[in-house]
């Protein structure tokens, strides 16, 4: 994702990036729809979740922590908690 954002390109590469981004978010939306079926705003939830995951991974990569088991565990717990709606307000 970061490489795609930072790579200079022409219209063709920008179109490919836009296509990738759309499919990328579709996969997140499908996961959200599977686990949080009653939501009407799955696209927004998918964007928040994908941004959170991207942020954690990006910062872990900068800190050379991608292989840290505790980081992986915490990220998994974050995703599960968000998808299950734990802590969600009514």
N, C-alpha and C. Protein backbone atom coordinates (compact mmCIF):
# COMPACT_ATOMS: atom_id res chain seq x y z
N UNK A 1 0.82 -1.19 0.00
CA UNK A 1 0.00 0.00 0.00
C UNK A 1 0.87 1.25 0.00
N UNK A 2 1.82 1.33 0.90
CA UNK A 2 2.69 2.51 0.98
C UNK A 2 3.47 2.68 -0.31
N UNK A 3 3.98 1.60 -0.85
CA UNK A 3 4.72 1.69 -2.11
C UNK A 3 3.85 2.23 -3.23
N UNK A 4 2.61 1.80 -3.28
CA UNK A 4 1.71 2.30 -4.31
C UNK A 4 1.44 3.79 -4.13
N UNK A 5 1.30 4.23 -2.89
CA UNK A 5 1.03 5.64 -2.60
C UNK A 5 2.20 6.53 -2.99
N UNK A 6 3.42 6.05 -2.82
CA UNK A 6 4.60 6.88 -3.00
C UNK A 6 5.23 6.78 -4.38
N UNK A 7 4.78 5.87 -5.20
CA UNK A 7 5.37 5.68 -6.52
C UNK A 7 4.79 6.69 -7.50
N UNK A 8 5.67 7.47 -8.16
CA UNK A 8 5.14 8.37 -9.19
C UNK A 8 4.63 7.54 -10.36
N UNK A 9 3.61 8.03 -11.00
CA UNK A 9 3.09 7.23 -12.09
C UNK A 9 2.29 8.04 -13.08
N UNK A 10 1.93 7.36 -14.13
CA UNK A 10 1.11 7.97 -15.16
C UNK A 10 -0.35 7.59 -14.92
N UNK A 11 -1.20 7.95 -15.86
CA UNK A 11 -2.63 7.65 -15.70
C UNK A 11 -2.89 6.16 -15.55
N UNK A 12 -2.16 5.35 -16.30
CA UNK A 12 -2.36 3.91 -16.23
C UNK A 12 -2.05 3.35 -14.85
N UNK A 13 -0.96 3.81 -14.26
CA UNK A 13 -0.61 3.30 -12.94
C UNK A 13 -1.56 3.85 -11.88
N UNK A 14 -2.04 5.09 -12.06
CA UNK A 14 -3.01 5.64 -11.11
C UNK A 14 -4.33 4.88 -11.19
N UNK A 15 -4.71 4.50 -12.41
CA UNK A 15 -5.94 3.71 -12.58
C UNK A 15 -5.77 2.33 -11.94
N UNK A 16 -4.60 1.73 -12.11
CA UNK A 16 -4.34 0.43 -11.48
C UNK A 16 -4.36 0.55 -9.97
N UNK A 17 -3.81 1.64 -9.45
CA UNK A 17 -3.81 1.87 -8.01
C UNK A 17 -5.24 2.05 -7.50
N UNK A 18 -6.05 2.81 -8.23
CA UNK A 18 -7.44 3.02 -7.83
C UNK A 18 -8.20 1.70 -7.84
N UNK A 19 -7.92 0.87 -8.83
CA UNK A 19 -8.56 -0.45 -8.91
C UNK A 19 -8.13 -1.33 -7.73
N UNK A 20 -6.83 -1.31 -7.43
CA UNK A 20 -6.32 -2.07 -6.29
C UNK A 20 -6.99 -1.60 -5.00
N UNK A 21 -7.06 -0.29 -4.80
CA UNK A 21 -7.64 0.28 -3.59
C UNK A 21 -9.11 -0.13 -3.44
N UNK A 22 -9.85 -0.09 -4.53
CA UNK A 22 -11.27 -0.48 -4.49
C UNK A 22 -11.42 -1.95 -4.10
N UNK A 23 -10.62 -2.82 -4.71
CA UNK A 23 -10.70 -4.25 -4.38
C UNK A 23 -10.24 -4.52 -2.96
N UNK A 24 -9.21 -3.82 -2.54
CA UNK A 24 -8.67 -3.93 -1.18
C UNK A 24 -9.77 -3.62 -0.16
N UNK A 25 -10.48 -2.52 -0.37
CA UNK A 25 -11.56 -2.15 0.55
C UNK A 25 -12.75 -3.09 0.45
N UNK A 26 -12.99 -3.66 -0.74
CA UNK A 26 -14.06 -4.64 -0.89
C UNK A 26 -13.81 -5.86 0.00
N UNK A 27 -12.56 -6.29 0.10
CA UNK A 27 -12.23 -7.43 0.95
C UNK A 27 -12.47 -7.11 2.42
N UNK A 28 -12.08 -5.92 2.83
CA UNK A 28 -12.36 -5.50 4.21
C UNK A 28 -13.86 -5.42 4.44
N UNK A 29 -14.60 -4.86 3.49
CA UNK A 29 -16.06 -4.73 3.63
C UNK A 29 -16.71 -6.11 3.73
N UNK A 30 -16.20 -7.08 2.98
CA UNK A 30 -16.74 -8.44 3.04
C UNK A 30 -16.51 -9.04 4.43
N UNK A 31 -15.34 -8.81 5.00
CA UNK A 31 -15.06 -9.31 6.36
C UNK A 31 -15.97 -8.63 7.37
N UNK A 32 -16.12 -7.34 7.24
CA UNK A 32 -16.98 -6.59 8.16
C UNK A 32 -18.42 -7.10 8.05
N UNK A 33 -18.91 -7.27 6.82
CA UNK A 33 -20.28 -7.74 6.61
C UNK A 33 -20.48 -9.13 7.21
N UNK A 34 -19.46 -9.97 7.13
CA UNK A 34 -19.55 -11.33 7.68
C UNK A 34 -19.69 -11.32 9.20
N UNK A 35 -18.93 -10.45 9.85
CA UNK A 35 -18.87 -10.47 11.31
C UNK A 35 -19.77 -9.45 11.99
N UNK A 36 -20.16 -8.41 11.27
CA UNK A 36 -21.03 -7.39 11.86
C UNK A 36 -22.21 -7.17 10.93
N UNK A 37 -23.03 -8.18 10.83
CA UNK A 37 -24.10 -8.22 9.82
C UNK A 37 -25.14 -7.13 9.96
N UNK A 38 -25.37 -6.65 11.15
CA UNK A 38 -26.45 -5.68 11.34
C UNK A 38 -26.05 -4.25 10.98
N UNK A 39 -24.82 -4.04 10.63
CA UNK A 39 -24.36 -2.69 10.29
C UNK A 39 -24.81 -2.28 8.90
N UNK A 40 -25.19 -1.02 8.79
CA UNK A 40 -25.54 -0.48 7.48
C UNK A 40 -24.36 0.24 6.86
N UNK A 41 -23.40 0.63 7.68
CA UNK A 41 -22.26 1.42 7.20
C UNK A 41 -21.00 0.58 7.11
N UNK A 42 -21.10 -0.58 6.45
CA UNK A 42 -19.95 -1.48 6.39
C UNK A 42 -18.76 -0.84 5.68
N UNK A 43 -19.01 0.04 4.71
CA UNK A 43 -17.89 0.67 4.01
C UNK A 43 -17.08 1.55 4.95
N UNK A 44 -17.75 2.30 5.81
CA UNK A 44 -17.03 3.15 6.76
C UNK A 44 -16.27 2.30 7.76
N UNK A 45 -16.90 1.26 8.27
CA UNK A 45 -16.24 0.37 9.22
C UNK A 45 -15.03 -0.29 8.55
N UNK A 46 -15.17 -0.68 7.29
CA UNK A 46 -14.06 -1.30 6.56
C UNK A 46 -12.90 -0.31 6.41
N UNK A 47 -13.21 0.94 6.12
CA UNK A 47 -12.15 1.95 5.97
C UNK A 47 -11.42 2.19 7.30
N UNK A 48 -12.17 2.25 8.39
CA UNK A 48 -11.55 2.45 9.70
C UNK A 48 -10.65 1.27 10.04
N UNK A 49 -11.16 0.06 9.84
CA UNK A 49 -10.38 -1.14 10.15
C UNK A 49 -9.12 -1.22 9.28
N UNK A 50 -9.27 -0.99 7.98
CA UNK A 50 -8.09 -1.07 7.11
C UNK A 50 -7.06 -0.01 7.48
N UNK A 51 -7.51 1.18 7.83
CA UNK A 51 -6.58 2.24 8.23
C UNK A 51 -5.86 1.89 9.53
N UNK A 52 -6.59 1.29 10.47
CA UNK A 52 -5.97 0.90 11.73
C UNK A 52 -4.90 -0.17 11.50
N UNK A 53 -5.24 -1.17 10.70
CA UNK A 53 -4.29 -2.25 10.41
C UNK A 53 -3.07 -1.70 9.66
N UNK A 54 -3.32 -0.86 8.66
CA UNK A 54 -2.21 -0.25 7.92
C UNK A 54 -1.30 0.55 8.84
N UNK A 55 -1.89 1.32 9.74
CA UNK A 55 -1.10 2.13 10.66
C UNK A 55 -0.22 1.29 11.56
N UNK A 56 -0.78 0.24 12.11
CA UNK A 56 0.00 -0.65 12.98
C UNK A 56 1.14 -1.29 12.20
N UNK A 57 0.84 -1.80 11.02
CA UNK A 57 1.87 -2.47 10.22
C UNK A 57 2.94 -1.49 9.77
N UNK A 58 2.53 -0.32 9.33
CA UNK A 58 3.49 0.69 8.88
C UNK A 58 4.45 1.08 10.01
N UNK A 59 3.90 1.37 11.18
CA UNK A 59 4.74 1.75 12.31
C UNK A 59 5.61 0.60 12.80
N UNK A 60 5.07 -0.61 12.77
CA UNK A 60 5.87 -1.77 13.18
C UNK A 60 7.03 -1.99 12.21
N UNK A 61 6.79 -1.77 10.93
CA UNK A 61 7.86 -1.92 9.94
C UNK A 61 8.95 -0.88 10.17
N UNK A 62 8.57 0.34 10.46
CA UNK A 62 9.57 1.39 10.72
C UNK A 62 10.39 1.08 11.96
N UNK A 63 9.79 0.41 12.91
CA UNK A 63 10.48 0.09 14.17
C UNK A 63 11.08 -1.31 14.15
N UNK A 64 11.03 -1.98 13.00
CA UNK A 64 11.56 -3.33 12.85
C UNK A 64 10.93 -4.30 13.85
N UNK A 65 9.61 -4.22 13.98
CA UNK A 65 8.89 -5.04 14.94
C UNK A 65 7.87 -5.98 14.30
N UNK A 66 7.90 -6.13 12.99
CA UNK A 66 6.87 -6.94 12.33
C UNK A 66 6.85 -8.39 12.81
N UNK A 67 7.99 -8.90 13.24
CA UNK A 67 8.06 -10.29 13.69
C UNK A 67 7.76 -10.45 15.18
N UNK A 68 7.47 -9.36 15.87
CA UNK A 68 7.24 -9.43 17.32
C UNK A 68 5.93 -10.17 17.61
N UNK A 69 6.00 -11.30 18.30
CA UNK A 69 4.79 -12.08 18.59
C UNK A 69 3.74 -11.27 19.35
N UNK A 70 4.15 -10.45 20.29
CA UNK A 70 3.18 -9.67 21.07
C UNK A 70 2.46 -8.66 20.18
N UNK A 71 3.16 -8.06 19.25
CA UNK A 71 2.53 -7.12 18.32
C UNK A 71 1.49 -7.86 17.47
N UNK A 72 1.86 -9.01 16.96
CA UNK A 72 0.94 -9.80 16.14
C UNK A 72 -0.29 -10.20 16.96
N UNK A 73 -0.06 -10.60 18.20
CA UNK A 73 -1.17 -10.99 19.09
C UNK A 73 -2.10 -9.80 19.33
N UNK A 74 -1.53 -8.66 19.64
CA UNK A 74 -2.34 -7.47 19.92
C UNK A 74 -3.11 -7.01 18.68
N UNK A 75 -2.48 -7.08 17.53
CA UNK A 75 -3.17 -6.69 16.30
C UNK A 75 -4.34 -7.64 16.02
N UNK A 76 -4.12 -8.92 16.21
CA UNK A 76 -5.20 -9.89 16.05
C UNK A 76 -6.35 -9.62 17.01
N UNK A 77 -6.02 -9.30 18.25
CA UNK A 77 -7.05 -9.00 19.24
C UNK A 77 -7.80 -7.72 18.88
N UNK A 78 -7.08 -6.72 18.38
CA UNK A 78 -7.72 -5.48 17.96
C UNK A 78 -8.73 -5.74 16.84
N UNK A 79 -8.32 -6.51 15.84
CA UNK A 79 -9.20 -6.83 14.72
C UNK A 79 -10.43 -7.60 15.20
N UNK A 80 -10.21 -8.61 16.02
CA UNK A 80 -11.33 -9.42 16.52
C UNK A 80 -12.30 -8.59 17.35
N UNK A 81 -11.76 -7.74 18.21
CA UNK A 81 -12.61 -6.89 19.04
C UNK A 81 -13.43 -5.94 18.18
N UNK A 82 -12.81 -5.36 17.18
CA UNK A 82 -13.52 -4.41 16.32
C UNK A 82 -14.60 -5.12 15.51
N UNK A 83 -14.26 -6.28 14.94
CA UNK A 83 -15.24 -7.00 14.13
C UNK A 83 -16.38 -7.56 14.97
N UNK A 84 -16.10 -7.91 16.21
CA UNK A 84 -17.17 -8.45 17.06
C UNK A 84 -18.04 -7.36 17.64
N UNK A 85 -17.58 -6.12 17.54
CA UNK A 85 -18.35 -5.00 18.08
C UNK A 85 -18.17 -4.80 19.56
N UNK A 86 -17.18 -5.45 20.16
CA UNK A 86 -16.91 -5.27 21.59
C UNK A 86 -16.57 -3.81 21.85
N UNK A 87 -17.23 -3.26 22.83
CA UNK A 87 -16.97 -1.88 23.19
C UNK A 87 -17.74 -0.89 22.33
N UNK A 88 -18.53 -1.40 21.39
CA UNK A 88 -19.31 -0.50 20.53
C UNK A 88 -20.44 0.12 21.32
N UNK A 89 -20.69 1.37 21.02
CA UNK A 89 -21.78 2.08 21.69
C UNK A 89 -23.08 1.80 20.98
N UNK A 90 -24.12 1.74 21.76
CA UNK A 90 -25.45 1.47 21.19
C UNK A 90 -26.00 2.67 20.46
